Amino acid sequence: MSSVEARLTELGSTLPTPPAAAGAYVPAVRTGNLLYLAGTLPMKDGKVTSLGKVGREVDIAQAAEAAKLCVLNALANAKVALGSLDRVSRVVMVNGFVNGVDGFSDSPKVLNGASEFLLQVFGDAGKHARAAVSVNGLPLGVSVEVQIVLEVRD
């Protein structure tokens, strides 16, 4: 088990089965020392765990947990692409999309679920730039989607 995976275990989390691409794209693309991960959804065991609009069917705390699950799915795809999460040298960027009610302005609070988890997993290397955007809809009606860019080493 890699040290990153050991840290995940310490945090009470395990990597899920990597989610398959659900369209005409691949889950990860590496160019140079950057690994771009496709947007991931809050899914566990092949099922969506957080459906609906944040601010109506889903509250901020539930959506933040969903964002954390999105990160776990993204990290599962990163492990497949890299062979080991210990090859991650830094989290560069997190783009988060929140399926919010009209006028929803707390998407940064939702994305803190992803950002804080990355800091717990990677420490200082988990510090990243971020966008937290409220949108009118997401695939399958999920509450949140997260896309990550990682710096990696050989």
N, C-alpha and C. Protein backbone atom coordinates (compact mmCIF):
# COMPACT_ATOMS: atom_id res chain seq x y z
N MET A 1 0.85 -1.18 0.00
CA MET A 1 0.00 0.00 0.00
C MET A 1 0.89 1.24 0.00
N SER A 2 0.57 2.20 -0.86
CA SER A 2 1.36 3.43 -0.93
C SER A 2 1.14 4.26 0.32
N SER A 3 2.03 5.22 0.56
CA SER A 3 1.87 6.07 1.74
C SER A 3 0.63 6.95 1.63
N VAL A 4 0.27 7.36 0.42
CA VAL A 4 -0.96 8.14 0.25
C VAL A 4 -2.16 7.25 0.57
N GLU A 5 -2.15 6.03 0.12
CA GLU A 5 -3.26 5.12 0.43
C GLU A 5 -3.32 4.80 1.91
N ALA A 6 -2.15 4.70 2.55
CA ALA A 6 -2.13 4.51 4.00
C ALA A 6 -2.75 5.71 4.70
N ARG A 7 -2.45 6.90 4.21
CA ARG A 7 -3.04 8.11 4.79
C ARG A 7 -4.55 8.10 4.60
N LEU A 8 -5.02 7.67 3.44
CA LEU A 8 -6.46 7.56 3.22
C LEU A 8 -7.09 6.61 4.24
N THR A 9 -6.43 5.49 4.50
CA THR A 9 -6.93 4.54 5.48
C THR A 9 -6.99 5.17 6.87
N GLU A 10 -5.94 5.92 7.24
CA GLU A 10 -5.94 6.63 8.52
C GLU A 10 -7.12 7.58 8.63
N LEU A 11 -7.50 8.16 7.50
CA LEU A 11 -8.62 9.10 7.47
C LEU A 11 -9.98 8.39 7.38
N GLY A 12 -9.96 7.05 7.35
CA GLY A 12 -11.20 6.29 7.28
C GLY A 12 -11.77 6.17 5.88
N SER A 13 -10.92 6.37 4.87
CA SER A 13 -11.37 6.31 3.48
C SER A 13 -10.58 5.27 2.72
N THR A 14 -11.20 4.72 1.69
CA THR A 14 -10.50 3.82 0.78
C THR A 14 -10.85 4.22 -0.64
N LEU A 15 -9.93 3.93 -1.53
CA LEU A 15 -10.19 4.23 -2.94
C LEU A 15 -11.26 3.29 -3.48
N PRO A 16 -12.25 3.85 -4.16
CA PRO A 16 -13.27 3.00 -4.77
C PRO A 16 -12.76 2.39 -6.07
N THR A 17 -13.57 1.53 -6.65
CA THR A 17 -13.29 1.07 -8.00
C THR A 17 -13.33 2.30 -8.90
N PRO A 18 -12.31 2.47 -9.73
CA PRO A 18 -12.28 3.68 -10.58
C PRO A 18 -13.52 3.76 -11.47
N PRO A 19 -14.15 4.93 -11.48
CA PRO A 19 -15.33 5.06 -12.34
C PRO A 19 -14.94 5.07 -13.81
N ALA A 20 -15.70 4.38 -14.60
CA ALA A 20 -15.45 4.35 -16.04
C ALA A 20 -15.93 5.65 -16.67
N ALA A 21 -15.33 5.99 -17.78
CA ALA A 21 -15.79 7.15 -18.53
C ALA A 21 -17.23 6.90 -18.99
N ALA A 22 -18.04 7.92 -18.91
CA ALA A 22 -19.45 7.77 -19.27
C ALA A 22 -19.77 8.44 -20.60
N GLY A 23 -18.74 8.63 -21.43
CA GLY A 23 -18.94 9.28 -22.71
C GLY A 23 -17.70 9.18 -23.56
N ALA A 24 -17.56 10.09 -24.49
CA ALA A 24 -16.46 10.08 -25.45
C ALA A 24 -15.26 10.85 -24.90
N TYR A 25 -14.72 10.36 -23.80
CA TYR A 25 -13.54 10.95 -23.16
C TYR A 25 -12.82 9.87 -22.37
N VAL A 26 -11.65 10.20 -21.84
CA VAL A 26 -10.91 9.28 -20.98
C VAL A 26 -10.85 9.87 -19.57
N PRO A 27 -10.71 9.04 -18.56
CA PRO A 27 -10.70 9.53 -17.18
C PRO A 27 -9.48 10.37 -16.82
N ALA A 28 -8.36 10.17 -17.52
CA ALA A 28 -7.15 10.91 -17.18
C ALA A 28 -6.28 11.10 -18.43
N VAL A 29 -5.65 12.28 -18.51
CA VAL A 29 -4.71 12.56 -19.59
C VAL A 29 -3.48 13.19 -18.97
N ARG A 30 -2.33 12.60 -19.30
CA ARG A 30 -1.07 13.16 -18.82
C ARG A 30 -0.37 13.89 -19.96
N THR A 31 0.11 15.08 -19.66
CA THR A 31 0.95 15.82 -20.59
C THR A 31 2.09 16.41 -19.76
N GLY A 32 3.31 16.03 -20.10
CA GLY A 32 4.46 16.46 -19.31
C GLY A 32 4.32 15.96 -17.88
N ASN A 33 4.43 16.88 -16.92
CA ASN A 33 4.32 16.49 -15.53
C ASN A 33 2.96 16.82 -14.94
N LEU A 34 1.95 17.03 -15.80
CA LEU A 34 0.60 17.31 -15.32
C LEU A 34 -0.34 16.17 -15.69
N LEU A 35 -1.19 15.81 -14.75
CA LEU A 35 -2.21 14.80 -14.97
C LEU A 35 -3.57 15.50 -14.81
N TYR A 36 -4.31 15.56 -15.91
CA TYR A 36 -5.64 16.16 -15.91
C TYR A 36 -6.66 15.04 -15.68
N LEU A 37 -7.45 15.18 -14.65
CA LEU A 37 -8.47 14.18 -14.34
C LEU A 37 -9.83 14.70 -14.79
N ALA A 38 -10.58 13.86 -15.47
CA ALA A 38 -11.92 14.23 -15.90
C ALA A 38 -12.79 14.51 -14.68
N GLY A 39 -13.83 15.27 -14.89
CA GLY A 39 -14.77 15.52 -13.81
C GLY A 39 -15.34 14.22 -13.28
N THR A 40 -15.43 14.12 -11.96
CA THR A 40 -15.99 12.92 -11.33
C THR A 40 -17.21 13.30 -10.52
N LEU A 41 -18.08 12.33 -10.39
CA LEU A 41 -19.36 12.51 -9.71
C LEU A 41 -19.35 11.81 -8.37
N PRO A 42 -20.30 12.14 -7.49
CA PRO A 42 -20.40 11.46 -6.20
C PRO A 42 -21.06 10.09 -6.38
N MET A 43 -20.22 9.09 -6.67
CA MET A 43 -20.72 7.75 -6.90
C MET A 43 -20.01 6.77 -5.98
N LYS A 44 -20.75 5.78 -5.53
CA LYS A 44 -20.19 4.71 -4.71
C LYS A 44 -20.82 3.41 -5.18
N ASP A 45 -19.97 2.42 -5.43
CA ASP A 45 -20.45 1.11 -5.90
C ASP A 45 -21.32 1.25 -7.15
N GLY A 46 -20.93 2.18 -8.03
CA GLY A 46 -21.63 2.37 -9.29
C GLY A 46 -22.94 3.11 -9.20
N LYS A 47 -23.25 3.64 -8.01
CA LYS A 47 -24.52 4.35 -7.83
C LYS A 47 -24.26 5.78 -7.38
N VAL A 48 -25.06 6.70 -7.90
CA VAL A 48 -25.00 8.10 -7.48
C VAL A 48 -25.46 8.20 -6.03
N THR A 49 -24.72 8.99 -5.24
CA THR A 49 -25.05 9.11 -3.82
C THR A 49 -25.67 10.45 -3.44
N SER A 50 -25.60 11.42 -4.32
CA SER A 50 -26.11 12.75 -3.97
C SER A 50 -26.78 13.37 -5.19
N LEU A 51 -28.11 13.29 -5.19
CA LEU A 51 -28.91 13.81 -6.30
C LEU A 51 -29.67 15.05 -5.88
N GLY A 52 -29.76 15.99 -6.79
CA GLY A 52 -30.62 17.13 -6.55
C GLY A 52 -29.87 18.44 -6.42
N LYS A 53 -30.65 19.47 -6.23
CA LYS A 53 -30.13 20.83 -6.12
C LYS A 53 -29.68 21.12 -4.69
N VAL A 54 -28.49 21.73 -4.60
CA VAL A 54 -28.02 22.18 -3.31
C VAL A 54 -28.81 23.44 -2.96
N GLY A 55 -29.35 23.45 -1.76
CA GLY A 55 -30.23 24.54 -1.35
C GLY A 55 -31.69 24.13 -1.43
N ARG A 56 -31.95 22.91 -1.91
CA ARG A 56 -33.31 22.40 -1.94
C ARG A 56 -33.30 20.95 -1.44
N GLU A 57 -32.94 19.99 -2.29
CA GLU A 57 -32.93 18.58 -1.86
C GLU A 57 -31.68 18.22 -1.07
N VAL A 58 -30.60 18.95 -1.27
CA VAL A 58 -29.31 18.64 -0.66
C VAL A 58 -28.83 19.88 0.10
N ASP A 59 -28.40 19.69 1.36
CA ASP A 59 -27.88 20.84 2.09
C ASP A 59 -26.37 20.97 1.87
N ILE A 60 -25.80 22.04 2.35
CA ILE A 60 -24.39 22.33 2.11
C ILE A 60 -23.50 21.24 2.68
N ALA A 61 -23.78 20.77 3.89
CA ALA A 61 -22.95 19.72 4.51
C ALA A 61 -23.00 18.43 3.69
N GLN A 62 -24.17 18.05 3.22
CA GLN A 62 -24.30 16.83 2.39
C GLN A 62 -23.54 17.01 1.08
N ALA A 63 -23.62 18.18 0.49
CA ALA A 63 -22.93 18.44 -0.77
C ALA A 63 -21.42 18.45 -0.56
N ALA A 64 -20.95 18.95 0.57
CA ALA A 64 -19.51 18.93 0.87
C ALA A 64 -19.02 17.49 0.99
N GLU A 65 -19.81 16.62 1.59
CA GLU A 65 -19.45 15.18 1.66
C GLU A 65 -19.44 14.58 0.26
N ALA A 66 -20.38 14.98 -0.57
CA ALA A 66 -20.41 14.50 -1.96
C ALA A 66 -19.16 14.96 -2.71
N ALA A 67 -18.71 16.18 -2.44
CA ALA A 67 -17.48 16.68 -3.08
C ALA A 67 -16.28 15.85 -2.66
N LYS A 68 -16.24 15.45 -1.41
CA LYS A 68 -15.16 14.58 -0.91
C LYS A 68 -15.19 13.23 -1.65
N LEU A 69 -16.38 12.68 -1.86
CA LEU A 69 -16.51 11.42 -2.59
C LEU A 69 -16.05 11.59 -4.04
N CYS A 70 -16.34 12.74 -4.62
CA CYS A 70 -15.85 13.02 -5.98
C CYS A 70 -14.32 12.95 -6.02
N VAL A 71 -13.67 13.51 -4.99
CA VAL A 71 -12.21 13.48 -4.91
C VAL A 71 -11.72 12.04 -4.83
N LEU A 72 -12.35 11.21 -4.01
CA LEU A 72 -11.94 9.80 -3.92
C LEU A 72 -12.03 9.12 -5.28
N ASN A 73 -13.10 9.39 -6.03
CA ASN A 73 -13.23 8.81 -7.37
C ASN A 73 -12.15 9.33 -8.30
N ALA A 74 -11.84 10.62 -8.21
CA ALA A 74 -10.78 11.18 -9.04
C ALA A 74 -9.43 10.55 -8.69
N LEU A 75 -9.16 10.36 -7.40
CA LEU A 75 -7.90 9.75 -6.98
C LEU A 75 -7.81 8.30 -7.43
N ALA A 76 -8.95 7.60 -7.49
CA ALA A 76 -8.95 6.23 -8.01
C ALA A 76 -8.52 6.23 -9.48
N ASN A 77 -9.01 7.20 -10.24
CA ASN A 77 -8.59 7.31 -11.64
C ASN A 77 -7.12 7.70 -11.74
N ALA A 78 -6.64 8.55 -10.84
CA ALA A 78 -5.23 8.94 -10.85
C ALA A 78 -4.34 7.73 -10.57
N LYS A 79 -4.76 6.88 -9.65
CA LYS A 79 -3.96 5.69 -9.33
C LYS A 79 -3.85 4.78 -10.55
N VAL A 80 -4.93 4.61 -11.28
CA VAL A 80 -4.88 3.79 -12.50
C VAL A 80 -3.90 4.41 -13.49
N ALA A 81 -3.96 5.71 -13.65
CA ALA A 81 -3.10 6.39 -14.63
C ALA A 81 -1.63 6.38 -14.23
N LEU A 82 -1.36 6.44 -12.92
CA LEU A 82 0.02 6.59 -12.45
C LEU A 82 0.63 5.31 -11.88
N GLY A 83 -0.21 4.37 -11.48
CA GLY A 83 0.30 3.17 -10.82
C GLY A 83 0.38 3.33 -9.32
N SER A 84 0.66 4.54 -8.85
CA SER A 84 0.74 4.82 -7.42
C SER A 84 0.45 6.30 -7.18
N LEU A 85 -0.32 6.57 -6.15
CA LEU A 85 -0.60 7.96 -5.80
C LEU A 85 0.62 8.64 -5.17
N ASP A 86 1.63 7.86 -4.82
CA ASP A 86 2.86 8.46 -4.30
C ASP A 86 3.61 9.23 -5.39
N ARG A 87 3.19 9.10 -6.62
CA ARG A 87 3.80 9.87 -7.72
C ARG A 87 3.22 11.28 -7.83
N VAL A 88 2.21 11.57 -7.04
CA VAL A 88 1.63 12.92 -7.03
C VAL A 88 2.55 13.82 -6.22
N SER A 89 3.04 14.88 -6.85
CA SER A 89 3.92 15.80 -6.12
C SER A 89 3.14 17.02 -5.61
N ARG A 90 2.00 17.32 -6.23
CA ARG A 90 1.21 18.46 -5.75
C ARG A 90 -0.15 18.45 -6.44
N VAL A 91 -1.14 18.94 -5.72
CA VAL A 91 -2.44 19.21 -6.31
C VAL A 91 -2.37 20.63 -6.85
N VAL A 92 -2.61 20.79 -8.14
CA VAL A 92 -2.45 22.09 -8.79
C VAL A 92 -3.77 22.87 -8.80
N MET A 93 -4.84 22.23 -9.25
CA MET A 93 -6.10 22.94 -9.47
C MET A 93 -7.28 22.04 -9.20
N VAL A 94 -8.29 22.60 -8.61
CA VAL A 94 -9.57 21.91 -8.41
C VAL A 94 -10.65 22.81 -9.00
N ASN A 95 -11.43 22.24 -9.90
CA ASN A 95 -12.60 22.92 -10.44
C ASN A 95 -13.82 22.19 -9.92
N GLY A 96 -14.68 22.93 -9.25
CA GLY A 96 -15.87 22.31 -8.69
C GLY A 96 -17.13 22.96 -9.22
N PHE A 97 -18.11 22.11 -9.50
CA PHE A 97 -19.38 22.57 -10.06
C PHE A 97 -20.49 22.09 -9.13
N VAL A 98 -21.30 23.03 -8.69
CA VAL A 98 -22.37 22.74 -7.74
C VAL A 98 -23.71 22.98 -8.41
N ASN A 99 -24.56 21.97 -8.37
CA ASN A 99 -25.91 22.05 -8.93
C ASN A 99 -26.78 22.79 -7.91
N GLY A 100 -26.73 24.11 -7.95
CA GLY A 100 -27.41 24.92 -6.96
C GLY A 100 -28.74 25.46 -7.42
N VAL A 101 -29.56 25.81 -6.43
CA VAL A 101 -30.82 26.50 -6.75
C VAL A 101 -30.48 27.86 -7.35
N ASP A 102 -31.42 28.48 -8.01
CA ASP A 102 -31.20 29.81 -8.59
C ASP A 102 -30.66 30.75 -7.52
N GLY A 103 -29.59 31.45 -7.86
CA GLY A 103 -28.99 32.40 -6.94
C GLY A 103 -28.10 31.79 -5.88
N PHE A 104 -27.82 30.49 -5.96
CA PHE A 104 -26.99 29.83 -4.94
C PHE A 104 -25.58 30.43 -4.96
N SER A 105 -25.14 30.93 -3.82
CA SER A 105 -23.83 31.61 -3.77
C SER A 105 -22.86 30.97 -2.79
N ASP A 106 -23.20 29.79 -2.26
CA ASP A 106 -22.33 29.12 -1.29
C ASP A 106 -21.53 27.97 -1.88
N SER A 107 -21.30 27.98 -3.20
CA SER A 107 -20.53 26.89 -3.80
C SER A 107 -19.12 26.78 -3.19
N PRO A 108 -18.46 27.87 -2.75
CA PRO A 108 -17.16 27.68 -2.09
C PRO A 108 -17.26 26.82 -0.82
N LYS A 109 -18.36 26.94 -0.07
CA LYS A 109 -18.53 26.11 1.13
C LYS A 109 -18.66 24.63 0.75
N VAL A 110 -19.35 24.36 -0.35
CA VAL A 110 -19.49 22.98 -0.83
C VAL A 110 -18.12 22.43 -1.23
N LEU A 111 -17.36 23.22 -1.99
CA LEU A 111 -16.07 22.75 -2.48
C LEU A 111 -15.02 22.65 -1.39
N ASN A 112 -15.27 23.26 -0.26
CA ASN A 112 -14.35 23.06 0.87
C ASN A 112 -14.29 21.59 1.26
N GLY A 113 -15.36 20.84 1.01
CA GLY A 113 -15.34 19.40 1.27
C GLY A 113 -14.25 18.70 0.48
N ALA A 114 -14.06 19.11 -0.77
CA ALA A 114 -13.00 18.55 -1.61
C ALA A 114 -11.64 19.10 -1.20
N SER A 115 -11.55 20.41 -1.04
CA SER A 115 -10.26 21.05 -0.75
C SER A 115 -9.69 20.61 0.60
N GLU A 116 -10.52 20.59 1.62
CA GLU A 116 -10.04 20.19 2.94
C GLU A 116 -9.59 18.74 2.95
N PHE A 117 -10.30 17.88 2.21
CA PHE A 117 -9.91 16.48 2.13
C PHE A 117 -8.56 16.33 1.43
N LEU A 118 -8.35 17.06 0.34
CA LEU A 118 -7.05 17.01 -0.35
C LEU A 118 -5.92 17.48 0.56
N LEU A 119 -6.17 18.47 1.38
CA LEU A 119 -5.16 18.92 2.35
C LEU A 119 -4.87 17.85 3.39
N GLN A 120 -5.90 17.14 3.83
CA GLN A 120 -5.70 16.05 4.79
C GLN A 120 -4.87 14.93 4.18
N VAL A 121 -5.14 14.63 2.93
CA VAL A 121 -4.45 13.51 2.26
C VAL A 121 -3.02 13.86 1.90
N PHE A 122 -2.80 15.05 1.32
CA PHE A 122 -1.49 15.39 0.76
C PHE A 122 -0.71 16.42 1.57
N GLY A 123 -1.27 16.93 2.65
CA GLY A 123 -0.58 17.95 3.44
C GLY A 123 -0.36 19.19 2.61
N ASP A 124 0.81 19.82 2.76
CA ASP A 124 1.11 21.06 2.03
C ASP A 124 1.03 20.87 0.51
N ALA A 125 1.33 19.67 0.03
CA ALA A 125 1.24 19.40 -1.41
C ALA A 125 -0.20 19.40 -1.90
N GLY A 126 -1.14 19.41 -0.96
CA GLY A 126 -2.55 19.45 -1.32
C GLY A 126 -3.10 20.86 -1.50
N LYS A 127 -2.28 21.88 -1.21
CA LYS A 127 -2.71 23.26 -1.41
C LYS A 127 -2.84 23.53 -2.91
N HIS A 128 -3.95 24.11 -3.32
CA HIS A 128 -4.24 24.23 -4.74
C HIS A 128 -5.02 25.50 -5.05
N ALA A 129 -5.02 25.86 -6.32
CA ALA A 129 -5.92 26.89 -6.83
C ALA A 129 -7.27 26.23 -7.05
N ARG A 130 -8.34 27.06 -7.08
CA ARG A 130 -9.66 26.44 -7.18
C ARG A 130 -10.68 27.38 -7.82
N ALA A 131 -11.63 26.79 -8.49
CA ALA A 131 -12.84 27.48 -8.93
C ALA A 131 -14.02 26.72 -8.34
N ALA A 132 -14.99 27.45 -7.80
CA ALA A 132 -16.19 26.85 -7.23
C ALA A 132 -17.38 27.56 -7.87
N VAL A 133 -18.04 26.87 -8.78
CA VAL A 133 -19.05 27.49 -9.63
C VAL A 133 -20.41 26.84 -9.41
N SER A 134 -21.41 27.65 -9.22
CA SER A 134 -22.78 27.15 -9.15
C SER A 134 -23.34 27.09 -10.57
N VAL A 135 -23.97 25.97 -10.89
CA VAL A 135 -24.53 25.76 -12.23
C VAL A 135 -25.99 25.34 -12.12
N ASN A 136 -26.68 25.35 -13.25
CA ASN A 136 -28.09 25.04 -13.28
C ASN A 136 -28.40 23.55 -13.44
N GLY A 137 -27.39 22.74 -13.68
CA GLY A 137 -27.60 21.30 -13.83
C GLY A 137 -26.29 20.59 -14.04
N LEU A 138 -26.25 19.33 -13.64
CA LEU A 138 -25.06 18.48 -13.80
C LEU A 138 -25.48 17.11 -14.29
N PRO A 139 -24.53 16.32 -14.84
CA PRO A 139 -24.87 14.99 -15.35
C PRO A 139 -25.60 14.13 -14.31
N LEU A 140 -26.59 13.42 -14.76
CA LEU A 140 -27.41 12.51 -13.95
C LEU A 140 -28.17 13.21 -12.84
N GLY A 141 -28.13 14.54 -12.80
CA GLY A 141 -28.81 15.28 -11.74
C GLY A 141 -28.07 15.31 -10.42
N VAL A 142 -26.76 15.02 -10.45
CA VAL A 142 -25.97 15.02 -9.22
C VAL A 142 -25.87 16.42 -8.64
N SER A 143 -25.49 16.49 -7.37
CA SER A 143 -25.38 17.78 -6.69
C SER A 143 -24.04 18.46 -6.92
N VAL A 144 -23.00 17.69 -7.23
CA VAL A 144 -21.66 18.27 -7.37
C VAL A 144 -20.80 17.43 -8.30
N GLU A 145 -19.87 18.09 -8.97
CA GLU A 145 -18.87 17.42 -9.82
C GLU A 145 -17.54 18.11 -9.57
N VAL A 146 -16.46 17.31 -9.52
CA VAL A 146 -15.14 17.85 -9.23
C VAL A 146 -14.15 17.39 -10.30
N GLN A 147 -13.33 18.32 -10.77
CA GLN A 147 -12.28 18.04 -11.75
C GLN A 147 -10.96 18.53 -11.15
N ILE A 148 -9.91 17.72 -11.28
CA ILE A 148 -8.63 17.99 -10.61
C ILE A 148 -7.47 17.93 -11.60
N VAL A 149 -6.47 18.79 -11.39
CA VAL A 149 -5.20 18.73 -12.11
C VAL A 149 -4.11 18.47 -11.08
N LEU A 150 -3.28 17.46 -11.35
CA LEU A 150 -2.19 17.08 -10.44
C LEU A 150 -0.85 17.26 -11.12
N GLU A 151 0.14 17.66 -10.35
CA GLU A 151 1.53 17.60 -10.81
C GLU A 151 2.08 16.25 -10.37
N VAL A 152 2.77 15.58 -11.28
CA VAL A 152 3.25 14.23 -10.98
C VAL A 152 4.73 14.10 -11.32
N ARG A 153 5.33 13.09 -10.75
CA ARG A 153 6.74 12.80 -11.01
C ARG A 153 6.87 11.36 -11.49
N ASP A 154 7.96 11.10 -12.22
CA ASP A 154 8.21 9.74 -12.71
C ASP A 154 8.76 8.85 -11.62
